Amino acid sequence: SEPPLPVLNVTGRVANPMMRQDSCSRPVAEMPASKKRRKEKQQKQQEEPPPLNEEMLDRIRQFLEAQGGSAVLGKVTAVFPGVKKSQLEQVFRMEISGPTGDFRVSLRQMDALV
């Protein structure tokens, strides 16, 4: 019987069965680990973050008061890295503002009176 013909990749070269055919640069053995990491990252992003503790809430309230009672979400998350929109929505008022559609974080009426 004749030996099987070699499999050619898109460049016309003999394909290495241990290489991915789309990029021909990473061994197949690496794919499951990267897919696993990607899946874990997606699951982590989908999980609801824990509620903010009182100390962090007080710091954010003080920041918002110093900003006149509200600030753009991007500014809040830049000053308080790791704080997520979903965590802020639980405590503060969120509204879309301006022509760009940026979210604005505001103190609620009761927070402003305290």
Protein backbone atom coordinates (compact mmCIF):
# COMPACT_ATOMS: atom_id res chain seq x y z
CA SER A 1 0.00 0.00 0.00
CA GLU A 2 1.17 3.55 -0.68
CA PRO A 3 2.03 5.95 2.16
CA PRO A 4 -0.61 8.64 2.82
CA LEU A 5 -0.14 11.96 1.14
CA PRO A 6 1.10 14.74 3.44
CA VAL A 7 -1.44 17.32 4.58
CA LEU A 8 -0.60 20.77 3.26
CA ASN A 9 -1.47 23.96 5.08
CA VAL A 10 -2.58 27.17 3.35
CA THR A 11 1.00 28.16 2.55
CA GLY A 12 1.55 24.91 0.65
CA ARG A 13 3.97 23.56 3.25
CA VAL A 14 3.60 20.18 4.89
CA ALA A 15 1.43 20.70 7.97
CA ASN A 16 2.73 19.69 11.35
CA PRO A 17 -0.11 17.83 13.12
CA MET A 18 1.01 19.35 16.44
CA MET A 19 0.49 22.91 15.18
CA ARG A 20 -2.75 24.86 14.94
CA GLN A 21 -3.79 25.30 11.35
CA ASP A 22 -5.09 28.85 11.75
CA SER A 23 -1.84 30.45 12.87
CA CYS A 24 0.69 27.61 12.63
CA SER A 25 2.53 29.04 15.60
CA ARG A 26 1.21 27.37 18.75
CA PRO A 27 1.13 23.66 19.52
CA VAL A 28 -2.29 22.08 19.87
CA ALA A 29 -1.37 21.07 23.42
CA GLU A 30 -1.59 24.75 24.49
CA MET A 31 -5.13 25.24 23.26
CA PRO A 32 -7.04 23.58 26.11
CA ALA A 33 -5.21 25.65 28.75
CA SER A 34 -5.90 28.94 26.94
CA LYS A 35 -9.54 27.98 26.38
CA LYS A 36 -9.78 27.05 30.05
CA ARG A 37 -8.34 30.43 31.11
CA ARG A 38 -10.69 32.24 28.72
CA LYS A 39 -13.68 30.33 30.09
CA GLU A 40 -12.62 31.02 33.71
CA LYS A 41 -12.25 34.72 32.90
CA GLN A 42 -15.72 34.81 31.33
CA GLN A 43 -17.24 33.06 34.34
CA LYS A 44 -15.51 35.47 36.72
CA GLN A 45 -16.84 38.44 34.74
CA GLN A 46 -20.37 37.01 34.85
CA GLU A 47 -20.30 36.47 38.61
CA GLU A 48 -21.88 39.22 40.66
CA PRO A 49 -19.16 41.06 42.61
CA PRO A 50 -19.60 41.23 46.40
CA PRO A 51 -21.28 44.30 47.90
CA LEU A 52 -18.98 47.18 48.82
CA ASN A 53 -18.06 47.44 52.50
CA GLU A 54 -19.12 50.46 54.56
CA GLU A 55 -15.64 51.99 54.56
CA MET A 56 -15.50 51.99 50.76
CA LEU A 57 -19.07 53.31 50.52
CA ASP A 58 -18.16 56.19 52.85
CA ARG A 59 -15.09 57.03 50.76
CA ILE A 60 -17.19 57.03 47.56
CA ARG A 61 -19.88 59.18 49.22
CA GLN A 62 -17.23 61.71 50.32
CA PHE A 63 -15.78 61.73 46.81
CA LEU A 64 -19.21 62.33 45.26
CA GLU A 65 -19.96 65.11 47.75
CA ALA A 66 -16.65 66.77 46.83
CA GLN A 67 -17.71 66.53 43.15
CA GLY A 68 -21.00 68.31 43.84
CA GLY A 69 -23.08 65.19 44.47
CA SER A 70 -22.34 63.23 41.30
CA ALA A 71 -19.56 62.16 38.95
CA VAL A 72 -19.16 60.28 35.69
CA LEU A 73 -18.83 56.51 36.25
CA GLY A 74 -15.42 56.41 34.54
CA LYS A 75 -14.04 58.95 36.99
CA VAL A 76 -15.40 57.03 39.99
CA THR A 77 -13.91 53.74 38.80
CA ALA A 78 -10.59 55.47 38.03
CA VAL A 79 -10.39 56.88 41.57
CA PHE A 80 -11.59 53.58 43.10
CA PRO A 81 -10.01 50.79 41.01
CA GLY A 82 -11.83 47.47 41.16
CA VAL A 83 -15.22 49.02 41.92
CA LYS A 84 -17.82 47.78 39.46
CA LYS A 85 -20.91 49.50 38.10
CA SER A 86 -23.13 46.73 39.49
CA GLN A 87 -21.76 47.41 42.99
CA LEU A 88 -22.48 51.12 42.69
CA GLU A 89 -26.00 50.51 41.37
CA GLN A 90 -26.91 48.78 44.62
CA VAL A 91 -26.31 51.96 46.65
CA PHE A 92 -26.13 55.02 44.41
CA ARG A 93 -28.38 56.45 41.72
CA MET A 94 -27.19 55.76 38.17
CA GLU A 95 -28.36 57.78 35.20
CA ILE A 96 -27.28 58.28 31.63
CA SER A 97 -26.14 61.82 30.97
CA GLY A 98 -24.91 63.93 28.11
CA PRO A 99 -24.75 63.29 24.38
CA THR A 100 -22.13 60.55 24.82
CA GLY A 101 -24.42 58.44 27.00
CA ASP A 102 -21.97 58.24 29.88
CA PHE A 103 -23.30 56.87 33.14
CA ARG A 104 -23.36 59.31 36.03
CA VAL A 105 -23.17 58.15 39.66
CA SER A 106 -25.15 60.33 42.08
CA LEU A 107 -25.88 60.40 45.77
CA ARG A 108 -29.43 59.45 46.61
CA GLN A 109 -31.55 62.05 48.43
CA MET A 110 -31.02 60.43 51.84
CA ASP A 111 -27.24 60.21 51.32
CA ALA A 112 -27.08 63.91 50.53
CA LEU A 113 -28.95 64.80 53.74
CA VAL A 114 -26.78 62.70 56.08
